[in-house]
C-alpha cells in the first residue's frame, strides 16, 4: 500500500512539473505558422500517443477477457448443468470488453482526423 501511495505521489508531482517545464513562451507561440512544421510535429506526437493508447487498450482488454474466460471455465467445471447460462453471459461480457478496445481505436481515428468513411 505504501508503494502505491508513493507511486501516486510521484505521478502527481510529475504532472505538476511537466506543464511549466514544457511550456512555450508567448513570443515563440506567436511566430508559429499554423500550417508550418509545428503541425507536422504535433502529428508525430498524436501518432505516438495513438500507438500507446491502442497498446494499453488491447492489453487491458486481453487481461479482462482472460480473467472472464478463466472464471467461466471454472464455473462450468463446478456446475456443468449451468453451462448454457454461463456461456451466454460469457459471450455478452466478452463482446462488451472488446467494444471498449474498438472505442479506443475509433477515438484514435478521430484524433488523427482520418476516420474511414463507409460507402
PDB file of N, CA and C in Angstrom:
ATOM      1  N   UNK A   1       0.821  -1.193   0.000  1.00  0.00           N
ATOM      2  CA  UNK A   1       0.000   0.000   0.000  1.00  0.00           C
ATOM      3  C   UNK A   1       0.866   1.258   0.000  1.00  0.00           C
ATOM      4  N   UNK A   2       1.997   1.184   0.711  1.00  0.00           N
ATOM      5  CA  UNK A   2       2.893   2.335   0.755  1.00  0.00           C
ATOM      6  C   UNK A   2       3.514   2.591  -0.613  1.00  0.00           C
ATOM      7  N   UNK A   3       3.788   1.514  -1.358  1.00  0.00           N
ATOM      8  CA  UNK A   3       4.363   1.692  -2.686  1.00  0.00           C
ATOM      9  C   UNK A   3       3.365   2.365  -3.624  1.00  0.00           C
ATOM     10  N   UNK A   4       2.104   1.994  -3.516  1.00  0.00           N
ATOM     11  CA  UNK A   4       1.071   2.608  -4.343  1.00  0.00           C
ATOM     12  C   UNK A   4       0.916   4.091  -4.007  1.00  0.00           C
ATOM     13  N   UNK A   5       0.927   4.416  -2.725  1.00  0.00           N
ATOM     14  CA  UNK A   5       0.811   5.811  -2.317  1.00  0.00           C
ATOM     15  C   UNK A   5       2.018   6.616  -2.804  1.00  0.00           C
ATOM     16  N   UNK A   6       3.202   6.032  -2.726  1.00  0.00           N
ATOM     17  CA  UNK A   6       4.406   6.709  -3.202  1.00  0.00           C
ATOM     18  C   UNK A   6       4.349   6.899  -4.711  1.00  0.00           C
ATOM     19  N   UNK A   7       3.899   5.869  -5.418  1.00  0.00           N
ATOM     20  CA  UNK A   7       3.774   5.982  -6.874  1.00  0.00           C
ATOM     21  C   UNK A   7       2.794   7.095  -7.242  1.00  0.00           C
ATOM     22  N   UNK A   8       1.651   7.159  -6.577  1.00  0.00           N
ATOM     23  CA  UNK A   8       0.656   8.202  -6.852  1.00  0.00           C
ATOM     24  C   UNK A   8       1.222   9.586  -6.562  1.00  0.00           C
ATOM     25  N   UNK A   9       1.957   9.717  -5.489  1.00  0.00           N
ATOM     26  CA  UNK A   9       2.556  10.999  -5.136  1.00  0.00           C
ATOM     27  C   UNK A   9       3.569  11.438  -6.184  1.00  0.00           C
ATOM     28  N   UNK A  10       4.409  10.527  -6.632  1.00  0.00           N
ATOM     29  CA  UNK A  10       5.404  10.848  -7.661  1.00  0.00           C
ATOM     30  C   UNK A  10       4.701  11.188  -8.973  1.00  0.00           C
ATOM     31  N   UNK A  11       3.657  10.446  -9.311  1.00  0.00           N
ATOM     32  CA  UNK A  11       2.916  10.699 -10.542  1.00  0.00           C
ATOM     33  C   UNK A  11       2.306  12.100 -10.543  1.00  0.00           C
ATOM     34  N   UNK A  12       1.698  12.482  -9.452  1.00  0.00           N
ATOM     35  CA  UNK A  12       1.105  13.815  -9.345  1.00  0.00           C
ATOM     36  C   UNK A  12       2.186  14.885  -9.398  1.00  0.00           C
ATOM     37  N   UNK A  13       3.323  14.635  -8.761  1.00  0.00           N
ATOM     38  CA  UNK A  13       4.418  15.602  -8.790  1.00  0.00           C
ATOM     39  C   UNK A  13       4.933  15.790 -10.215  1.00  0.00           C
ATOM     40  N   UNK A  14       5.041  14.711 -10.967  1.00  0.00           N
ATOM     41  CA  UNK A  14       5.495  14.814 -12.358  1.00  0.00           C
ATOM     42  C   UNK A  14       4.492  15.604 -13.191  1.00  0.00           C
ATOM     43  N   UNK A  15       3.213  15.389 -12.935  1.00  0.00           N
ATOM     44  CA  UNK A  15       2.196  16.142 -13.676  1.00  0.00           C
ATOM     45  C   UNK A  15       2.298  17.640 -13.409  1.00  0.00           C
ATOM     46  N   UNK A  16       2.574  18.020 -12.186  1.00  0.00           N
ATOM     47  CA  UNK A  16       2.689  19.443 -11.862  1.00  0.00           C
ATOM     48  C   UNK A  16       3.959  20.058 -12.440  1.00  0.00           C
ATOM     49  N   UNK A  17       5.011  19.284 -12.555  1.00  0.00           N
ATOM     50  CA  UNK A  17       6.279  19.800 -13.057  1.00  0.00           C
ATOM     51  C   UNK A  17       6.288  19.822 -14.589  1.00  0.00           C
ATOM     52  N   UNK A  18       5.580  18.899 -15.237  1.00  0.00           N
ATOM     53  CA  UNK A  18       5.655  18.765 -16.691  1.00  0.00           C
ATOM     54  C   UNK A  18       5.093  19.981 -17.412  1.00  0.00           C
ATOM     55  N   UNK A  19       4.029  20.568 -16.920  1.00  0.00           N
ATOM     56  CA  UNK A  19       3.436  21.720 -17.596  1.00  0.00           C
ATOM     57  C   UNK A  19       4.383  22.889 -17.731  1.00  0.00           C
ATOM     58  N   UNK A  20       4.909  23.420 -16.623  1.00  0.00           N
ATOM     59  CA  UNK A  20       5.852  24.536 -16.741  1.00  0.00           C
ATOM     60  C   UNK A  20       7.160  24.159 -17.443  1.00  0.00           C
ATOM     61  N   UNK A  21       7.573  22.907 -17.327  1.00  0.00           N
ATOM     62  CA  UNK A  21       8.839  22.514 -17.939  1.00  0.00           C
ATOM     63  C   UNK A  21       8.760  22.541 -19.459  1.00  0.00           C
ATOM     64  N   UNK A  22       7.612  22.181 -20.023  1.00  0.00           N
ATOM     65  CA  UNK A  22       7.470  22.138 -21.466  1.00  0.00           C
ATOM     66  C   UNK A  22       6.675  23.323 -22.015  1.00  0.00           C
ATOM     67  N   UNK A  23       6.418  24.310 -21.201  1.00  0.00           N
ATOM     68  CA  UNK A  23       5.642  25.466 -21.639  1.00  0.00           C
ATOM     69  C   UNK A  23       6.443  26.281 -22.647  1.00  0.00           C
ATOM     70  N   UNK A  24       5.711  26.895 -23.553  1.00  0.00           N
ATOM     71  CA  UNK A  24       6.326  27.684 -24.598  1.00  0.00           C
ATOM     72  C   UNK A  24       6.100  29.159 -24.296  1.00  0.00           C
ATOM     73  N   UNK A  25       7.090  29.964 -24.594  1.00  0.00           N
ATOM     74  CA  UNK A  25       6.937  31.393 -24.340  1.00  0.00           C
ATOM     75  C   UNK A  25       5.915  31.987 -25.315  1.00  0.00           C
ATOM     76  N   UNK A  26       5.345  33.125 -24.952  1.00  0.00           N
ATOM     77  CA  UNK A  26       4.324  33.769 -25.789  1.00  0.00           C
ATOM     78  C   UNK A  26       4.914  34.221 -27.125  1.00  0.00           C
ATOM     79  N   UNK A  27       6.158  34.681 -27.119  1.00  0.00           N
ATOM     80  CA  UNK A  27       6.789  35.135 -28.355  1.00  0.00           C
ATOM     81  C   UNK A  27       6.968  33.979 -29.330  1.00  0.00           C
ATOM     82  N   UNK A  28       7.357  32.835 -28.827  1.00  0.00           N
ATOM     83  CA  UNK A  28       7.554  31.675 -29.697  1.00  0.00           C
ATOM     84  C   UNK A  28       6.227  31.158 -30.228  1.00  0.00           C
ATOM     85  N   UNK A  29       5.183  31.273 -29.436  1.00  0.00           N
ATOM     86  CA  UNK A  29       3.874  30.797 -29.875  1.00  0.00           C
ATOM     87  C   UNK A  29       3.309  31.673 -30.978  1.00  0.00           C
ATOM     88  N   UNK A  30       3.608  32.959 -30.960  1.00  0.00           N
ATOM     89  CA  UNK A  30       3.091  33.874 -31.973  1.00  0.00           C
ATOM     90  C   UNK A  30       3.780  33.637 -33.306  1.00  0.00           C
ATOM     91  N   UNK A  31       5.037  33.269 -33.303  1.00  0.00           N
ATOM     92  CA  UNK A  31       5.804  33.103 -34.530  1.00  0.00           C
ATOM     93  C   UNK A  31       5.460  31.822 -35.286  1.00  0.00           C
ATOM     94  N   UNK A  32       4.745  30.904 -34.679  1.00  0.00           N
ATOM     95  CA  UNK A  32       4.478  29.611 -35.306  1.00  0.00           C
ATOM     96  C   UNK A  32       3.384  29.763 -36.354  1.00  0.00           C
ATOM     97  N   UNK A  33       3.680  29.288 -37.561  1.00  0.00           N
ATOM     98  CA  UNK A  33       2.697  29.281 -38.641  1.00  0.00           C
ATOM     99  C   UNK A  33       1.773  28.073 -38.446  1.00  0.00           C
ATOM    100  N   UNK A  34       0.439  28.244 -38.490  1.00  0.00           N
ATOM    101  CA  UNK A  34      -0.461  27.115 -38.231  1.00  0.00           C
ATOM    102  C   UNK A  34      -0.316  25.980 -39.229  1.00  0.00           C
ATOM    103  N   UNK A  35       0.149  26.277 -40.434  1.00  0.00           N
ATOM    104  CA  UNK A  35       0.319  25.218 -41.434  1.00  0.00           C
ATOM    105  C   UNK A  35       1.781  24.817 -41.601  1.00  0.00           C
ATOM    106  N   UNK A  36       2.612  25.264 -40.708  1.00  0.00           N
ATOM    107  CA  UNK A  36       4.037  25.004 -40.827  1.00  0.00           C
ATOM    108  C   UNK A  36       4.478  23.726 -40.145  1.00  0.00           C
ATOM    109  N   UNK A  37       5.750  23.679 -39.773  1.00  0.00           N
ATOM    110  CA  UNK A  37       6.318  22.464 -39.206  1.00  0.00           C
ATOM    111  C   UNK A  37       5.728  22.081 -37.853  1.00  0.00           C
ATOM    112  N   UNK A  38       5.145  23.045 -37.129  1.00  0.00           N
ATOM    113  CA  UNK A  38       4.583  22.708 -35.819  1.00  0.00           C
ATOM    114  C   UNK A  38       3.419  21.738 -35.963  1.00  0.00           C
ATOM    115  N   UNK A  39       2.645  21.869 -37.042  1.00  0.00           N
ATOM    116  CA  UNK A  39       1.523  20.962 -37.266  1.00  0.00           C
ATOM    117  C   UNK A  39       2.023  19.548 -37.544  1.00  0.00           C
ATOM    118  N   UNK A  40       3.079  19.428 -38.322  1.00  0.00           N
ATOM    119  CA  UNK A  40       3.663  18.116 -38.598  1.00  0.00           C
ATOM    120  C   UNK A  40       4.243  17.520 -37.326  1.00  0.00           C
ATOM    121  N   UNK A  41       4.843  18.356 -36.502  1.00  0.00           N
ATOM    122  CA  UNK A  41       5.402  17.892 -35.233  1.00  0.00           C
ATOM    123  C   UNK A  41       4.296  17.373 -34.319  1.00  0.00           C
ATOM    124  N   UNK A  42       3.176  18.078 -34.278  1.00  0.00           N
ATOM    125  CA  UNK A  42       2.033  17.641 -33.475  1.00  0.00           C
ATOM    126  C   UNK A  42       1.501  16.306 -33.981  1.00  0.00           C
ATOM    127  N   UNK A  43       1.481  16.128 -35.284  1.00  0.00           N
ATOM    128  CA  UNK A  43       1.010  14.875 -35.873  1.00  0.00           C
ATOM    129  C   UNK A  43       1.840  13.684 -35.441  1.00  0.00           C
ATOM    130  N   UNK A  44       3.140  13.890 -35.298  1.00  0.00           N
ATOM    131  CA  UNK A  44       4.011  12.801 -34.827  1.00  0.00           C
ATOM    132  C   UNK A  44       3.645  12.393 -33.413  1.00  0.00           C
ATOM    133  N   UNK A  45       3.397  13.376 -32.564  1.00  0.00           N
ATOM    134  CA  UNK A  45       3.062  13.073 -31.179  1.00  0.00           C
ATOM    135  C   UNK A  45       1.703  12.398 -31.069  1.00  0.00           C
ATOM    136  N   UNK A  46       0.774  12.798 -31.919  1.00  0.00           N
ATOM    137  CA  UNK A  46      -0.541  12.145 -31.920  1.00  0.00           C
ATOM    138  C   UNK A  46      -0.390  10.684 -32.335  1.00  0.00           C
ATOM    139  N   UNK A  47       0.445  10.424 -33.326  1.00  0.00           N
ATOM    140  CA  UNK A  47       0.657   9.045 -33.772  1.00  0.00           C
ATOM    141  C   UNK A  47       1.281   8.198 -32.663  1.00  0.00           C
ATOM    142  N   UNK A  48       2.228   8.760 -31.950  1.00  0.00           N
ATOM    143  CA  UNK A  48       2.854   8.024 -30.844  1.00  0.00           C
ATOM    144  C   UNK A  48       1.834   7.770 -29.743  1.00  0.00           C
ATOM    145  N   UNK A  49       1.032   8.779 -29.419  1.00  0.00           N
ATOM    146  CA  UNK A  49       0.004   8.608 -28.386  1.00  0.00           C
ATOM    147  C   UNK A  49      -1.030   7.583 -28.810  1.00  0.00           C
ATOM    148  N   UNK A  50      -1.378   7.561 -30.105  1.00  0.00           N
ATOM    149  CA  UNK A  50      -2.331   6.562 -30.586  1.00  0.00           C
ATOM    150  C   UNK A  50      -1.769   5.157 -30.421  1.00  0.00           C
ATOM    151  N   UNK A  51      -0.512   4.984 -30.720  1.00  0.00           N
ATOM    152  CA  UNK A  51       0.110   3.668 -30.564  1.00  0.00           C
ATOM    153  C   UNK A  51       0.094   3.198 -29.123  1.00  0.00           C
ATOM    154  N   UNK A  52       0.457   4.099 -28.220  1.00  0.00           N
ATOM    155  CA  UNK A  52       0.430   3.737 -26.800  1.00  0.00           C
ATOM    156  C   UNK A  52      -0.992   3.482 -26.312  1.00  0.00           C
ATOM    157  N   UNK A  53      -1.935   4.311 -26.747  1.00  0.00           N
ATOM    158  CA  UNK A  53      -3.325   4.130 -26.328  1.00  0.00           C
ATOM    159  C   UNK A  53      -3.896   2.803 -26.790  1.00  0.00           C
ATOM    160  N   UNK A  54      -3.626   2.457 -28.034  1.00  0.00           N
ATOM    161  CA  UNK A  54      -4.117   1.176 -28.541  1.00  0.00           C
ATOM    162  C   UNK A  54      -3.449   0.000 -27.842  1.00  0.00           C
ATOM    163  N   UNK A  55      -2.165   0.134 -27.570  1.00  0.00           N
ATOM    164  CA  UNK A  55      -1.467  -0.955 -26.883  1.00  0.00           C
ATOM    165  C   UNK A  55      -2.017  -1.165 -25.473  1.00  0.00           C
ATOM    166  N   UNK A  56      -2.254  -0.083 -24.764  1.00  0.00           N
ATOM    167  CA  UNK A  56      -2.793  -0.190 -23.403  1.00  0.00           C
ATOM    168  C   UNK A  56      -4.209  -0.752 -23.443  1.00  0.00           C
ATOM    169  N   UNK A  57      -5.016  -0.300 -24.409  1.00  0.00           N
ATOM    170  CA  UNK A  57      -6.392  -0.798 -24.514  1.00  0.00           C
ATOM    171  C   UNK A  57      -6.409  -2.281 -24.864  1.00  0.00           C
ATOM    172  N   UNK A  58      -5.558  -2.692 -25.791  1.00  0.00           N
ATOM    173  CA  UNK A  58      -5.513  -4.105 -26.170  1.00  0.00           C
ATOM    174  C   UNK A  58      -5.035  -4.963 -25.002  1.00  0.00           C
ATOM    175  N   UNK A  59      -4.040  -4.460 -24.269  1.00  0.00           N
ATOM    176  CA  UNK A  59      -3.542  -5.210 -23.116  1.00  0.00           C
ATOM    177  C   UNK A  59      -4.624  -5.338 -22.054  1.00  0.00           C
ATOM    178  N   UNK A  60      -5.300  -4.244 -21.744  1.00  0.00           N
ATOM    179  CA  UNK A  60      -6.362  -4.286 -20.739  1.00  0.00           C
ATOM    180  C   UNK A  60      -7.509  -5.186 -21.169  1.00  0.00           C
ATOM    181  N   UNK A  61      -7.893  -5.098 -22.446  1.00  0.00           N
ATOM    182  CA  UNK A  61      -8.955  -5.961 -22.953  1.00  0.00           C
ATOM    183  C   UNK A  61      -8.577  -7.429 -22.899  1.00  0.00           C
ATOM    184  N   UNK A  62      -7.339  -7.740 -23.261  1.00  0.00           N
ATOM    185  CA  UNK A  62      -6.885  -9.130 -23.222  1.00  0.00           C
ATOM    186  C   UNK A  62      -6.846  -9.664 -21.787  1.00  0.00           C
ATOM    187  N   UNK A  63      -6.411  -8.825 -20.858  1.00  0.00           N
ATOM    188  CA  UNK A  63      -6.396  -9.263 -19.455  1.00  0.00           C
ATOM    189  C   UNK A  63      -7.819  -9.502 -18.946  1.00  0.00           C
ATOM    190  N   UNK A  64      -8.726  -8.602 -19.282  1.00  0.00           N
ATOM    191  CA  UNK A  64     -10.114  -8.764 -18.862  1.00  0.00           C
ATOM    192  C   UNK A  64     -10.756  -9.997 -19.474  1.00  0.00           C
ATOM    193  N   UNK A  65     -10.487 -10.229 -20.749  1.00  0.00           N
ATOM    194  CA  UNK A  65     -11.047 -11.401 -21.403  1.00  0.00           C
ATOM    195  C   UNK A  65     -10.467 -12.683 -20.827  1.00  0.00           C
ATOM    196  N   UNK A  66      -9.190 -12.678 -20.525  1.00  0.00           N
ATOM    197  CA  UNK A  66      -8.570 -13.858 -19.925  1.00  0.00           C
ATOM    198  C   UNK A  66      -9.175 -14.198 -18.573  1.00  0.00           C
ATOM    199  N   UNK A  67      -9.376 -13.181 -17.756  1.00  0.00           N
ATOM    200  CA  UNK A  67      -9.985 -13.419 -16.441  1.00  0.00           C
ATOM    201  C   UNK A  67     -11.428 -13.885 -16.574  1.00  0.00           C
ATOM    202  N   UNK A  68     -12.164 -13.308 -17.528  1.00  0.00           N
ATOM    203  CA  UNK A  68     -13.560 -13.705 -17.717  1.00  0.00           C
ATOM    204  C   UNK A  68     -13.657 -15.148 -18.191  1.00  0.00           C
ATOM    205  N   UNK A  69     -12.814 -15.533 -19.122  1.00  0.00           N
ATOM    206  CA  UNK A  69     -12.839 -16.904 -19.626  1.00  0.00           C
ATOM    207  C   UNK A  69     -12.429 -17.889 -18.539  1.00  0.00           C
ATOM    208  N   UNK A  70     -11.409 -17.530 -17.772  1.00  0.00           N
ATOM    209  CA  UNK A  70     -10.977 -18.426 -16.687  1.00  0.00           C
ATOM    210  C   UNK A  70     -12.089 -18.623 -15.660  1.00  0.00           C
ATOM    211  N   UNK A  71     -12.777 -17.551 -15.309  1.00  0.00           N
ATOM    212  CA  UNK A  71     -13.872 -17.668 -14.344  1.00  0.00           C
ATOM    213  C   UNK A  71     -15.029 -18.478 -14.918  1.00  0.00           C
ATOM    214  N   UNK A  72     -15.322 -18.312 -16.205  1.00  0.00           N
ATOM    215  CA  UNK A  72     -16.413 -19.061 -16.826  1.00  0.00           C
ATOM    216  C   UNK A  72     -16.101 -20.551 -16.897  1.00  0.00           C
ATOM    217  N   UNK A  73     -14.880 -20.871 -17.267  1.00  0.00           N
ATOM    218  CA  UNK A  73     -14.494 -22.287 -17.338  1.00  0.00           C
ATOM    219  C   UNK A  73     -14.529 -22.921 -15.959  1.00  0.00           C
ATOM    220  N   UNK A  74     -14.062 -22.204 -14.959  1.00  0.00           N
ATOM    221  CA  UNK A  74     -14.114 -22.714 -13.587  1.00  0.00           C
ATOM    222  C   UNK A  74     -15.560 -22.904 -13.129  1.00  0.00           C
ATOM    223  N   UNK A  75     -16.429 -21.975 -13.487  1.00  0.00           N
ATOM    224  CA  UNK A  75     -17.842 -22.102 -13.113  1.00  0.00           C
ATOM    225  C   UNK A  75     -18.504 -23.284 -13.803  1.00  0.00           C
ATOM    226  N   UNK A  76     -18.179 -23.493 -15.072  1.00  0.00           N
ATOM    227  CA  UNK A  76     -18.739 -24.639 -15.801  1.00  0.00           C
ATOM    228  C   UNK A  76     -18.235 -25.942 -15.208  1.00  0.00           C
ATOM    229  N   UNK A  77     -16.970 -25.954 -14.768  1.00  0.00           N
ATOM    230  CA  UNK A  77     -16.426 -27.166 -14.155  1.00  0.00           C
ATOM    231  C   UNK A  77     -17.134 -27.482 -12.835  1.00  0.00           C
ATOM    232  N   UNK A  78     -17.527 -26.443 -12.110  1.00  0.00           N
ATOM    233  CA  UNK A  78     -18.213 -26.660 -10.831  1.00  0.00           C
ATOM    234  C   UNK A  78     -19.682 -27.015 -11.021  1.00  0.00           C
ATOM    235  N   UNK A  79     -20.331 -26.397 -12.006  1.00  0.00           N
ATOM    236  CA  UNK A  79     -21.757 -26.648 -12.247  1.00  0.00           C
ATOM    237  C   UNK A  79     -21.987 -26.898 -13.734  1.00  0.00           C
ATOM    238  N   UNK A  80     -21.739 -28.113 -14.212  1.00  0.00           N
ATOM    239  CA  UNK A  80     -21.896 -28.406 -15.640  1.00  0.00           C
ATOM    240  C   UNK A  80     -23.332 -28.207 -16.148  1.00  0.00           C
ATOM    241  N   UNK A  81     -24.311 -28.341 -15.273  1.00  0.00           N
ATOM    242  CA  UNK A  81     -25.704 -28.185 -15.709  1.00  0.00           C
ATOM    243  C   UNK A  81     -26.036 -26.735 -16.065  1.00  0.00           C
ATOM    244  N   UNK A  82     -25.282 -25.769 -15.615  1.00  0.00           N
ATOM    245  CA  UNK A  82     -25.498 -24.345 -15.911  1.00  0.00           C
ATOM    246  C   UNK A  82     -24.588 -23.840 -17.033  1.00  0.00           C
ATOM    247  N   UNK A  83     -24.010 -24.751 -17.802  1.00  0.00           N
ATOM    248  CA  UNK A  83     -23.034 -24.368 -18.828  1.00  0.00           C
ATOM    249  C   UNK A  83     -23.639 -23.412 -19.859  1.00  0.00           C
ATOM    250  N   UNK A  84     -24.882 -23.635 -20.261  1.00  0.00           N
ATOM    251  CA  UNK A  84     -25.513 -22.772 -21.266  1.00  0.00           C
ATOM    252  C   UNK A  84     -25.681 -21.343 -20.780  1.00  0.00           C
ATOM    253  N   UNK A  85     -26.140 -21.183 -19.545  1.00  0.00           N
ATOM    254  CA  UNK A  85     -26.308 -19.838 -18.985  1.00  0.00           C
ATOM    255  C   UNK A  85     -24.969 -19.126 -18.828  1.00  0.00           C
ATOM    256  N   UNK A  86     -23.988 -19.865 -18.351  1.00  0.00           N
ATOM    257  CA  UNK A  86     -22.659 -19.272 -18.149  1.00  0.00           C
ATOM    258  C   UNK A  86     -22.057 -18.879 -19.489  1.00  0.00           C
ATOM    259  N   UNK A  87     -22.215 -19.738 -20.503  1.00  0.00           N
ATOM    260  CA  UNK A  87     -21.666 -19.453 -21.830  1.00  0.00           C
ATOM    261  C   UNK A  87     -22.308 -18.189 -22.420  1.00  0.00           C
ATOM    262  N   UNK A  88     -23.613 -18.044 -22.266  1.00  0.00           N
ATOM    263  CA  UNK A  88     -24.298 -16.852 -22.778  1.00  0.00           C
ATOM    264  C   UNK A  88     -23.810 -15.578 -22.111  1.00  0.00           C
ATOM    265  N   UNK A  89     -23.684 -15.622 -20.790  1.00  0.00           N
ATOM    266  CA  UNK A  89     -23.177 -14.453 -20.070  1.00  0.00           C
ATOM    267  C   UNK A  89     -21.737 -14.149 -20.460  1.00  0.00           C
ATOM    268  N   UNK A  90     -20.955 -15.211 -20.699  1.00  0.00           N
ATOM    269  CA  UNK A  90     -19.558 -15.024 -21.094  1.00  0.00           C
ATOM    270  C   UNK A  90     -19.465 -14.328 -22.445  1.00  0.00           C
ATOM    271  N   UNK A  91     -20.272 -14.753 -23.393  1.00  0.00           N
ATOM    272  CA  UNK A  91     -20.207 -14.154 -24.734  1.00  0.00           C
ATOM    273  C   UNK A  91     -20.613 -12.682 -24.685  1.00  0.00           C
ATOM    274  N   UNK A  92     -21.645 -12.359 -23.931  1.00  0.00           N
ATOM    275  CA  UNK A  92     -22.052 -10.957 -23.799  1.00  0.00           C
ATOM    276  C   UNK A  92     -20.950 -10.140 -23.131  1.00  0.00           C
ATOM    277  N   UNK A  93     -20.353 -10.686 -22.079  1.00  0.00           N
ATOM    278  CA  UNK A  93     -19.261  -9.979 -21.392  1.00  0.00           C
ATOM    279  C   UNK A  93     -18.056  -9.768 -22.285  1.00  0.00           C
ATOM    280  N   UNK A  94     -17.685 -10.785 -23.070  1.00  0.00           N
ATOM    281  CA  UNK A  94     -16.545 -10.643 -23.975  1.00  0.00           C
ATOM    282  C   UNK A  94     -16.827  -9.601 -25.057  1.00  0.00           C
ATOM    283  N   UNK A  95     -18.062  -9.559 -25.537  1.00  0.00           N
ATOM    284  CA  UNK A  95     -18.420  -8.549 -26.541  1.00  0.00           C
ATOM    285  C   UNK A  95     -18.298  -7.140 -25.961  1.00  0.00           C
ATOM    286  N   UNK A  96     -18.728  -6.954 -24.724  1.00  0.00           N
ATOM    287  CA  UNK A  96     -18.620  -5.635 -24.098  1.00  0.00           C
ATOM    288  C   UNK A  96     -17.163  -5.246 -23.867  1.00  0.00           C
ATOM    289  N   UNK A  97     -16.334  -6.201 -23.462  1.00  0.00           N
ATOM    290  CA  UNK A  97     -14.910  -5.908 -23.256  1.00  0.00           C
ATOM    291  C   UNK A  97     -14.258  -5.513 -24.581  1.00  0.00           C
ATOM    292  N   UNK A  98     -14.564  -6.258 -25.649  1.00  0.00           N
ATOM    293  CA  UNK A  98     -13.966  -5.959 -26.946  1.00  0.00           C
ATOM    294  C   UNK A  98     -14.470  -4.625 -27.493  1.00  0.00           C
ATOM    295  N   UNK A  99     -15.685  -4.246 -27.141  1.00  0.00           N
ATOM    296  CA  UNK A  99     -16.229  -2.966 -27.579  1.00  0.00           C
ATOM    297  C   UNK A  99     -15.401  -1.801 -27.042  1.00  0.00           C
ATOM    298  N   UNK A 100     -14.913  -1.929 -25.826  1.00  0.00           N
ATOM    299  CA  UNK A 100     -14.085  -0.861 -25.258  1.00  0.00           C
ATOM    300  C   UNK A 100     -12.806  -0.663 -26.066  1.00  0.00           C
ATOM    301  N   UNK A 101     -12.205  -1.745 -26.527  1.00  0.00           N
ATOM    302  CA  UNK A 101     -10.991  -1.628 -27.337  1.00  0.00           C
ATOM    303  C   UNK A 101     -11.327  -0.979 -28.686  1.00  0.00           C
ATOM    304  N   UNK A 102     -12.471  -1.329 -29.252  1.00  0.00           N
ATOM    305  CA  UNK A 102     -12.881  -0.726 -30.517  1.00  0.00           C
ATOM    306  C   UNK A 102     -13.144   0.768 -30.333  1.00  0.00           C
ATOM    307  N   UNK A 103     -13.704   1.169 -29.198  1.00  0.00           N
ATOM    308  CA  UNK A 103     -13.910   2.595 -28.924  1.00  0.00           C
ATOM    309  C   UNK A 103     -12.579   3.341 -28.920  1.00  0.00           C
ATOM    310  N   UNK A 104     -11.555   2.755 -28.337  1.00  0.00           N
ATOM    311  CA  UNK A 104     -10.232   3.406 -28.323  1.00  0.00           C
ATOM    312  C   UNK A 104      -9.710   3.544 -29.750  1.00  0.00           C
ATOM    313  N   UNK A 105      -9.919   2.521 -30.572  1.00  0.00           N
ATOM    314  CA  UNK A 105      -9.492   2.594 -31.967  1.00  0.00           C
ATOM    315  C   UNK A 105     -10.209   3.727 -32.693  1.00  0.00           C
ATOM    316  N   UNK A 106     -11.509   3.868 -32.480  1.00  0.00           N
ATOM    317  CA  UNK A 106     -12.266   4.953 -33.113  1.00  0.00           C
ATOM    318  C   UNK A 106     -11.802   6.322 -32.625  1.00  0.00           C
ATOM    319  N   UNK A 107     -11.515   6.436 -31.339  1.00  0.00           N
ATOM    320  CA  UNK A 107     -11.007   7.705 -30.801  1.00  0.00           C
ATOM    321  C   UNK A 107      -9.666   8.053 -31.446  1.00  0.00           C
ATOM    322  N   UNK A 108      -8.830   7.053 -31.658  1.00  0.00           N
ATOM    323  CA  UNK A 108      -7.547   7.303 -32.314  1.00  0.00           C
ATOM    324  C   UNK A 108      -7.751   7.788 -33.747  1.00  0.00           C
ATOM    325  N   UNK A 109      -8.727   7.224 -34.452  1.00  0.00           N
ATOM    326  CA  UNK A 109      -9.020   7.697 -35.798  1.00  0.00           C
ATOM    327  C   UNK A 109      -9.514   9.137 -35.772  1.00  0.00           C
ATOM    328  N   UNK A 110     -10.369   9.465 -34.810  1.00  0.00           N
ATOM    329  CA  UNK A 110     -10.859  10.838 -34.703  1.00  0.00           C
ATOM    330  C   UNK A 110      -9.723  11.807 -34.391  1.00  0.00           C
ATOM    331  N   UNK A 111      -8.808  11.425 -33.525  1.00  0.00           N
ATOM    332  CA  UNK A 111      -7.684  12.301 -33.186  1.00  0.00           C
ATOM    333  C   UNK A 111      -6.791  12.543 -34.392  1.00  0.00           C
ATOM    334  N   UNK A 112      -6.623  11.529 -35.192  1.00  0.00           N
ATOM    335  CA  UNK A 112      -5.756  11.666 -36.349  1.00  0.00           C
ATOM    336  C   UNK A 112      -6.478  12.355 -37.497  1.00  0.00           C
ATOM    337  N   UNK A 113      -7.793  12.467 -37.419  1.00  0.00           N
ATOM    338  CA  UNK A 113      -8.543  13.116 -38.477  1.00  0.00           C
ATOM    339  C   UNK A 113      -8.710  12.273 -39.711  1.00  0.00           C
ATOM    340  N   UNK A 114      -8.484  10.970 -39.599  1.00  0.00           N
ATOM    341  CA  UNK A 114      -8.573  10.082 -40.746  1.00  0.00           C
ATOM    342  C   UNK A 114      -9.586   8.982 -40.483  1.00  0.00           C
ATOM    343  N   UNK A 115     -10.794   9.366 -40.134  1.00  0.00           N
ATOM    344  CA  UNK A 115     -11.838   8.390 -39.884  1.00  0.00           C
ATOM    345  C   UNK A 115     -12.254   7.784 -41.220  1.00  0.00           C
ATOM    346  N   UNK A 116     -12.205   6.458 -41.345  1.00  0.00           N
ATOM    347  CA  UNK A 116     -12.590   5.849 -42.620  1.00  0.00           C
ATOM    348  C   UNK A 116     -14.079   6.069 -42.884  1.00  0.00           C
ATOM    349  N   UNK A 117     -14.402   6.356 -44.132  1.00  0.00           N
ATOM    350  CA  UNK A 117     -15.803   6.579 -44.485  1.00  0.00           C
ATOM    351  C   UNK A 117     -16.407   5.285 -44.998  1.00  0.00           C
ATOM    352  N   UNK A 118     -17.686   5.137 -44.779  1.00  0.00           N
ATOM    353  CA  UNK A 118     -18.394   3.943 -45.226  1.00  0.00           C
ATOM    354  C   UNK A 118     -19.127   4.297 -46.517  1.00  0.00           C
ATOM    355  N   UNK A 119     -18.880   3.523 -47.550  1.00  0.00           N
ATOM    356  CA  UNK A 119     -19.611   3.709 -48.811  1.00  0.00           C
ATOM    357  C   UNK A 119     -18.906   4.501 -49.833  1.00  0.00           C
TER     358      UNK A 119
END
